[in-house]
Protein backbone atom coordinates (compact mmCIF):
# COMPACT_ATOMS: atom_id res chain seq x y z
CA MET A 1 5.04 -2.19 -30.19
CA ASN A 2 7.59 -2.72 -27.42
CA GLU A 3 8.49 0.37 -25.41
CA THR A 4 12.02 1.69 -25.63
CA MET A 5 14.24 3.83 -23.44
CA LYS A 6 17.55 5.64 -23.72
CA ALA A 7 20.64 3.89 -22.34
CA ILE A 8 24.39 3.54 -22.66
CA LEU A 9 25.02 0.29 -24.53
CA LEU A 10 28.48 -1.26 -24.33
CA ARG A 11 28.95 -3.18 -27.59
CA GLY A 12 32.59 -4.18 -27.09
CA PRO A 13 35.75 -2.91 -25.40
CA ASN A 14 35.80 0.91 -25.57
CA ASP A 15 32.74 0.82 -27.83
CA PHE A 16 29.72 2.37 -26.17
CA VAL A 17 26.82 4.40 -27.55
CA TYR A 18 23.83 6.36 -26.23
CA CYS A 19 20.87 4.75 -27.97
CA ASP A 20 17.38 3.28 -27.76
CA VAL A 21 17.02 -0.15 -26.13
CA PRO A 22 13.97 -2.14 -25.00
CA LYS A 23 12.48 -0.95 -21.73
CA PRO A 24 12.60 -3.78 -19.15
CA SER A 25 9.63 -5.24 -17.31
CA PRO A 26 9.85 -6.32 -13.66
CA GLY A 27 9.71 -10.03 -12.95
CA GLU A 28 8.88 -11.93 -9.78
CA TYR A 29 10.23 -10.16 -6.66
CA GLU A 30 11.38 -7.28 -8.86
CA VAL A 31 10.47 -3.62 -9.23
CA LEU A 32 10.88 -1.30 -12.19
CA CYS A 33 12.61 1.91 -11.21
CA ARG A 34 12.95 5.23 -13.00
CA VAL A 35 16.66 5.98 -12.68
CA GLU A 36 17.34 9.52 -11.48
CA SER A 37 21.09 9.53 -10.78
CA VAL A 38 24.02 7.21 -11.51
CA SER A 39 27.57 7.71 -10.27
CA ILE A 40 30.53 6.56 -12.30
CA CYS A 41 32.35 3.89 -10.31
CA GLY A 42 36.07 3.24 -10.61
CA THR A 43 35.20 -0.26 -11.82
CA ASP A 44 33.18 1.07 -14.77
CA PRO A 45 36.20 2.11 -16.89
CA HIS A 46 37.70 -1.37 -16.40
CA ILE A 47 34.46 -2.95 -17.60
CA ILE A 48 34.25 -0.54 -20.54
CA GLN A 49 37.90 -1.04 -21.49
CA GLY A 50 37.58 -4.83 -21.46
CA ASP A 51 39.90 -5.52 -18.52
CA PHE A 52 37.81 -8.50 -17.34
CA PRO A 53 37.17 -10.42 -20.58
CA GLY A 54 34.45 -13.04 -20.30
CA VAL A 55 33.77 -12.09 -16.69
CA TRP A 56 32.59 -8.43 -16.61
CA PRO A 57 30.70 -8.66 -18.90
CA GLN A 58 30.26 -12.31 -19.74
CA SER A 59 29.25 -11.20 -23.23
CA PHE A 60 28.32 -8.08 -25.18
CA PRO A 61 26.20 -6.01 -25.38
CA LEU A 62 25.73 -4.79 -21.81
CA ILE A 63 24.19 -1.76 -20.14
CA PRO A 64 26.78 -0.84 -17.46
CA GLY A 65 26.25 1.24 -14.32
CA HIS A 66 25.54 0.11 -10.77
CA GLU A 67 25.76 3.10 -8.40
CA TRP A 68 22.24 4.45 -8.78
CA SER A 69 19.13 5.92 -7.22
CA GLY A 70 15.60 6.44 -8.44
CA VAL A 71 11.87 5.89 -7.93
CA VAL A 72 9.78 2.71 -8.09
CA VAL A 73 7.30 3.03 -10.97
CA ALA A 74 5.97 -0.54 -11.27
CA LEU A 75 5.84 -3.68 -9.14
CA GLY A 76 6.60 -7.19 -10.30
CA GLU A 77 4.74 -10.17 -8.90
CA LYS A 78 5.03 -10.53 -5.08
CA ALA A 79 7.04 -7.32 -4.61
CA ASP A 80 4.05 -5.81 -2.81
CA CYS A 81 4.12 -8.69 -0.32
CA PHE A 82 7.22 -7.10 1.19
CA GLY A 83 5.85 -3.58 1.48
CA TRP A 84 7.20 -2.06 -1.72
CA LYS A 85 5.02 0.62 -3.33
CA VAL A 86 5.01 2.71 -6.48
CA GLY A 87 6.61 6.04 -5.57
CA ASP A 88 9.19 4.63 -3.14
CA ARG A 89 12.51 6.49 -3.38
CA VAL A 90 15.34 3.95 -3.47
CA CYS A 91 19.00 3.31 -4.14
CA GLY A 92 20.63 0.08 -5.25
CA ILE A 93 23.70 -2.12 -5.14
CA ALA A 94 25.21 -4.33 -7.82
CA ASN A 95 25.13 -7.76 -6.19
CA LEU A 96 22.21 -10.14 -5.93
CA GLY A 97 23.10 -13.64 -4.76
CA CYS A 98 21.03 -16.70 -5.55
CA GLY A 99 19.69 -16.61 -1.99
CA HIS A 100 19.87 -20.38 -1.54
CA CYS A 101 23.51 -21.48 -1.49
CA LYS A 102 25.46 -21.88 1.76
CA ASN A 103 27.19 -18.51 1.44
CA CYS A 104 23.97 -16.66 0.67
CA MET A 105 22.21 -18.35 3.58
CA GLU A 106 25.01 -17.08 5.83
CA GLY A 107 24.51 -13.56 4.52
CA ARG A 108 27.63 -13.59 2.32
CA PHE A 109 25.76 -13.14 -0.94
CA THR A 110 28.57 -11.17 -2.60
CA ILE A 111 30.50 -14.44 -2.76
CA CYS A 112 27.49 -16.46 -3.89
CA LEU A 113 28.45 -20.01 -4.87
CA ASN A 114 26.31 -19.62 -7.99
CA TYR A 115 28.05 -16.41 -9.03
CA GLY A 116 27.77 -15.83 -12.76
CA ASN A 117 24.88 -18.24 -13.34
CA GLN A 118 22.35 -15.75 -14.64
CA LYS A 119 19.47 -18.15 -14.15
CA VAL A 120 19.75 -17.55 -10.40
CA HIS A 121 22.32 -14.77 -9.90
CA ARG A 122 22.56 -11.11 -10.87
CA MET A 123 25.30 -8.50 -10.81
CA TYR A 124 23.78 -5.35 -12.19
CA GLY A 125 25.99 -3.35 -14.52
CA HIS A 126 28.62 -6.09 -14.59
CA ILE A 127 26.95 -9.17 -16.07
CA SER A 128 23.30 -8.10 -15.84
CA PRO A 129 21.63 -4.99 -17.31
CA GLY A 130 22.64 -1.96 -15.27
CA ALA A 131 21.62 1.60 -14.49
CA TYR A 132 23.05 3.76 -17.28
CA ALA A 133 19.50 3.87 -18.56
CA GLU A 134 16.19 5.61 -18.01
CA TYR A 135 14.80 2.53 -16.25
CA ILE A 136 16.13 -0.55 -14.47
CA ALA A 137 14.38 -3.73 -13.32
CA VAL A 138 15.90 -4.97 -10.06
CA ASN A 139 15.25 -7.53 -7.38
CA ILE A 140 13.91 -6.08 -4.13
CA ARG A 141 16.84 -7.64 -2.26
CA SER A 142 19.24 -5.28 -4.03
CA ILE A 143 17.58 -1.98 -3.07
CA SER A 144 16.83 0.08 0.02
CA LYS A 145 14.57 3.03 0.69
CA ILE A 146 16.22 6.42 1.13
CA PRO A 147 15.11 9.15 3.55
CA ASP A 148 13.28 12.23 2.34
CA GLU A 149 16.20 14.51 3.17
CA MET A 150 18.60 12.59 0.92
CA ASP A 151 18.72 13.86 -2.66
CA PHE A 152 19.12 11.41 -5.53
CA ASP A 153 22.70 12.45 -6.35
CA THR A 154 23.83 11.67 -2.80
CA ALA A 155 21.73 8.50 -2.71
CA CYS A 156 23.43 7.05 -5.79
CA ILE A 157 26.78 6.91 -3.95
CA MET A 158 25.35 4.77 -1.14
CA ASP A 159 26.69 1.72 -2.97
CA THR A 160 30.20 3.13 -2.58
CA LEU A 161 29.66 4.06 1.05
CA SER A 162 28.26 0.63 1.89
CA ILE A 163 31.33 -1.06 0.37
CA ALA A 164 33.60 1.15 2.46
CA LEU A 165 31.55 0.30 5.53
CA HIS A 166 32.03 -3.42 4.91
CA THR A 167 35.77 -2.81 4.60
CA VAL A 168 35.89 -0.89 7.89
CA LEU A 169 33.73 -3.41 9.73
CA HIS A 170 35.91 -6.25 8.45
CA SER A 171 38.97 -4.54 9.95
CA HIS A 172 37.46 -5.12 13.42
CA LEU A 173 37.77 -1.41 14.17
CA GLU A 174 37.09 -0.52 17.78
CA PRO A 175 36.50 2.97 19.20
CA GLY A 176 39.81 4.66 19.93
CA ASP A 177 41.85 2.77 17.33
CA ASP A 178 44.30 4.65 15.16
CA VAL A 179 43.59 4.03 11.48
CA LEU A 180 45.40 4.42 8.16
CA VAL A 181 43.23 4.83 5.10
CA ASN A 182 45.70 3.99 2.35
CA GLY A 183 44.53 5.81 -0.75
CA ALA A 184 42.58 9.05 -1.23
CA GLY A 185 39.98 7.96 -3.77
CA ALA A 186 36.28 7.23 -3.42
CA GLN A 187 36.77 4.20 -1.17
CA GLY A 188 39.30 6.16 0.86
CA TRP A 189 36.98 9.11 1.46
CA MET A 190 34.10 6.83 2.33
CA SER A 191 36.30 4.78 4.68
CA ILE A 192 37.24 7.97 6.50
CA LEU A 193 33.58 8.80 7.03
CA CYS A 194 32.78 5.29 8.25
CA ALA A 195 35.80 5.09 10.56
CA ARG A 196 34.93 8.51 11.94
CA ALA A 197 31.32 7.45 12.58
CA MET A 198 32.53 4.30 14.36
CA GLY A 199 34.72 6.17 16.83
CA ALA A 200 38.22 5.85 15.42
CA ASN A 201 40.88 7.95 17.12
CA ARG A 202 43.33 9.40 14.60
CA ILE A 203 42.59 8.69 10.95
CA PHE A 204 45.62 9.07 8.71
CA CYS A 205 45.19 9.10 4.95
CA SER A 206 47.84 8.71 2.26
CA GLY A 207 47.36 10.30 -1.14
CA SER A 208 48.24 13.39 -3.13
CA GLY A 209 46.79 16.48 -4.75
CA ASN A 210 43.18 17.63 -4.46
CA ARG A 211 42.03 14.13 -3.50
CA LEU A 212 44.23 14.17 -0.41
CA ALA A 213 42.98 17.68 0.33
CA LYS A 214 39.42 16.33 0.29
CA ALA A 215 40.46 13.57 2.72
CA ALA A 216 41.75 16.26 5.08
CA GLU A 217 38.44 18.13 4.79
CA LEU A 218 36.70 14.95 5.90
CA GLY A 219 38.78 14.81 9.07
CA ALA A 220 41.85 12.75 8.14
CA ILE A 221 45.48 13.60 8.89
CA PRO A 222 46.94 13.89 5.36
CA ILE A 223 50.19 12.21 4.32
CA ASP A 224 51.45 13.01 0.83
CA TYR A 225 53.20 9.83 -0.27
CA ARG A 226 54.91 11.76 -3.06
CA LYS A 227 56.69 13.98 -0.53
CA GLU A 228 57.43 11.73 2.43
CA ASP A 229 57.91 8.09 3.32
CA LEU A 230 54.54 6.75 4.46
CA VAL A 231 55.92 3.96 6.64
CA GLU A 232 58.39 6.25 8.42
CA ARG A 233 55.68 8.86 9.06
CA ILE A 234 53.22 6.36 10.50
CA ARG A 235 55.90 4.81 12.71
CA ALA A 236 56.92 8.27 13.94
CA GLU A 237 53.31 9.24 14.68
CA THR A 238 52.67 6.05 16.67
CA GLY A 239 55.86 5.72 18.67
CA GLY A 240 57.08 2.98 16.36
CA LEU A 241 54.04 0.79 16.95
CA GLY A 242 52.01 1.34 13.78
CA VAL A 243 48.26 1.77 13.44
CA LYS A 244 45.83 -0.86 14.59
CA ARG A 245 43.71 -0.87 11.41
CA VAL A 246 44.65 -0.23 7.78
CA MET A 247 42.05 0.19 5.02
CA GLU A 248 44.00 -0.61 1.83
CA CYS A 249 42.25 1.29 -0.96
CA THR A 250 45.10 2.04 -3.37
CA GLY A 251 44.97 -1.13 -5.44
CA THR A 252 48.70 -0.79 -6.10
CA VAL A 253 51.66 -3.06 -5.39
CA GLN A 254 53.41 -0.43 -3.28
CA GLY A 255 50.20 0.42 -1.47
CA VAL A 256 49.70 -3.16 -0.32
CA ARG A 257 53.33 -3.50 0.74
CA ASN A 258 53.18 -0.23 2.67
CA ALA A 259 50.08 -1.47 4.45
CA CYS A 260 52.03 -4.49 5.70
CA TRP A 261 54.66 -2.26 7.33
CA THR A 262 52.38 0.42 8.78
CA VAL A 263 50.05 -1.91 10.71
CA ALA A 264 50.68 -2.65 14.37
CA ARG A 265 51.28 -6.04 15.93
CA GLY A 266 47.97 -7.85 16.26
CA GLY A 267 46.37 -5.41 13.84
CA CYS A 268 44.39 -5.88 10.66
CA ILE A 269 44.79 -4.85 7.03
CA SER A 270 41.39 -4.72 5.35
CA VAL A 271 41.80 -4.70 1.57
CA ILE A 272 39.28 -3.33 -0.93
CA GLY A 273 41.62 -2.25 -3.74
CA PHE A 274 43.00 -4.97 -5.97
CA PRO A 275 46.13 -4.54 -8.09
CA LYS A 276 46.22 -5.78 -11.65
CA ASP A 277 48.95 -8.27 -10.74
CA ASP A 278 49.59 -10.28 -7.59
CA VAL A 279 51.71 -8.64 -4.90
CA PRO A 280 54.66 -10.19 -3.02
CA ILE A 281 53.98 -9.65 0.67
CA PRO A 282 56.22 -10.13 3.76
CA ILE A 283 54.43 -13.24 4.99
CA LYS A 284 56.97 -13.95 7.77
CA HIS A 285 56.29 -10.51 9.21
CA LEU A 286 52.52 -11.04 9.05
CA VAL A 287 52.82 -14.41 10.77
CA MET A 288 55.23 -13.36 13.51
CA ASP A 289 53.23 -10.24 14.37
CA GLU A 290 49.85 -11.97 14.03
CA ILE A 291 48.62 -9.47 11.48
CA GLU A 292 45.34 -10.23 9.75
CA LEU A 293 45.08 -9.59 6.02
CA VAL A 294 41.44 -9.75 4.90
CA GLY A 295 39.80 -9.25 1.53
CA ASN A 296 36.46 -7.57 0.99
CA ARG A 297 33.96 -8.22 -1.78
CA ALA A 298 31.45 -5.39 -2.20
CA ASN A 299 28.78 -4.73 0.44
CA PRO A 300 27.00 -7.70 2.02
CA ASN A 301 24.17 -6.41 4.23
CA THR A 302 25.65 -2.94 4.75
CA LEU A 303 23.45 -0.74 2.55
CA ASP A 304 20.90 0.18 5.22
CA LYS A 305 23.68 0.78 7.75
CA ALA A 306 25.48 3.03 5.28
CA ILE A 307 22.31 5.05 4.71
CA SER A 308 22.10 5.56 8.47
CA ILE A 309 25.70 6.82 8.58
CA ALA A 310 25.08 9.03 5.55
CA SER A 311 22.15 10.75 7.25
CA LYS A 312 24.64 12.16 9.77
CA CYS A 313 27.14 13.48 7.21
CA LEU A 314 25.08 14.51 4.19
CA ASP A 315 27.05 17.70 3.58
CA ASP A 316 30.34 15.78 3.51
CA LEU A 317 28.92 13.31 1.00
CA ARG A 318 27.39 15.99 -1.21
CA GLY A 319 30.79 17.67 -1.30
CA LEU A 320 32.28 14.61 -3.01
CA ILE A 321 30.09 15.12 -6.10
CA THR A 322 31.87 17.61 -8.31
CA HIS A 323 30.25 17.14 -11.72
CA VAL A 324 26.75 16.31 -12.96
CA PHE A 325 25.79 15.55 -16.58
CA PRO A 326 22.77 14.27 -18.47
CA LEU A 327 23.17 10.66 -19.52
CA SER A 328 23.30 11.81 -23.14
CA GLU A 329 26.68 13.41 -22.32
CA TYR A 330 28.09 10.23 -20.79
CA ARG A 331 31.14 10.30 -23.05
CA LYS A 332 32.15 13.70 -21.67
CA ALA A 333 31.42 12.61 -18.09
CA TYR A 334 33.47 9.44 -18.62
CA GLU A 335 36.42 11.43 -19.96
CA ILE A 336 36.39 13.85 -17.04
CA PHE A 337 36.19 10.98 -14.57
CA THR A 338 38.91 8.83 -16.13
CA THR A 339 41.36 11.70 -16.65
CA ARG A 340 40.53 13.32 -13.30
CA ALA A 341 40.11 16.56 -15.20
CA ASP A 342 38.82 19.75 -13.63
CA HIS A 343 39.57 18.46 -10.11
CA SER A 344 36.82 15.88 -10.48
CA LEU A 345 35.92 13.56 -7.61
CA LYS A 346 32.58 11.76 -7.99
CA VAL A 347 30.88 12.30 -11.36
CA VAL A 348 27.12 11.74 -11.68
CA VAL A 349 24.95 11.29 -14.78
CA LYS A 350 21.18 11.78 -14.83
CA PRO A 351 19.10 9.72 -17.30
CA GLN A 352 16.01 11.90 -16.90
CA TRP A 353 17.80 15.07 -18.01
CA LYS A 354 17.11 15.38 -21.72
CA GLU A 355 18.96 18.52 -22.78
CA PRO A 356 22.76 18.78 -23.02
CA ASN A 357 23.99 21.33 -20.52
CA GLY A 358 27.76 21.22 -20.80
CA GLY A 359 28.05 19.67 -17.37
CA VAL A 360 27.14 21.21 -14.04
CA GLN A 361 29.95 21.56 -11.55
CA LYS A 362 28.64 21.36 -8.02
């Protein structure tokens, strides 16, 4: 008889259930991991609600979830050749490129030229079985070991931190630069931590409510866009010059347009948020002021670097996790996350917790 495990199975848009599914087995260059913690990503509700039909997922059913941590419990063929052992504590990312196309060979595996071809490509929790489950089988190229002092709840948000790090690195940030983090959500908070670690001067952050308050706790200068004009404030703070680097994390039309007018001449706007619809931008202004506008796709080769940064700000990261639930209470966790109820920030579910507990607020 095949072994089963508990998982969240997405059967169609807005149709998910906590149920028994077959337990996976690790293939070549894979390990089987016992999942300890999974964080709800802002992309997950879009996948669940069917906002990317035929893409994320390509078809139903799907086990979602991609911000995770856990323990290696079995090795697939050749995994041991690269030093992996049963008992290793790890965290993972979503993307696994084919490893052989031109982009993968250049280290840009998040834009793999074979993206979506599941014979050679994986994107866990998007088109491939993900981590809202007791176990996950993953390629060794999509995981990293975590230090002993890092708990599993913190480790599962390393995917988010590594994406923010890619965004900050892509902005060409140099020590002493003034920075605007546009948007006080998960990517915004993580961008603040990365910019801080890389020696930014002043870090401004736009947002509102308790999420902006959290940005201030992390060291940013808060700007409430609901109460003041963001562009005017940035210009006033910088003597009319603007900031050298903007991390655009809002994913809104106005957010992108504000980014274009708050960046300094010769500066860079590094975009990780993406609006539902295309945005008209002042292209003449970008050309005349030689402003770079760069897109960022996930976290190519930044997971280990993010873990290193995290080791120096563990308390800040732990403070972002406000709610913890067993996986069996995923529906409640999902509702709290999507409605931002109870001042929620990052919400974590734990597949190994068996008993309902009503949610634990950190």
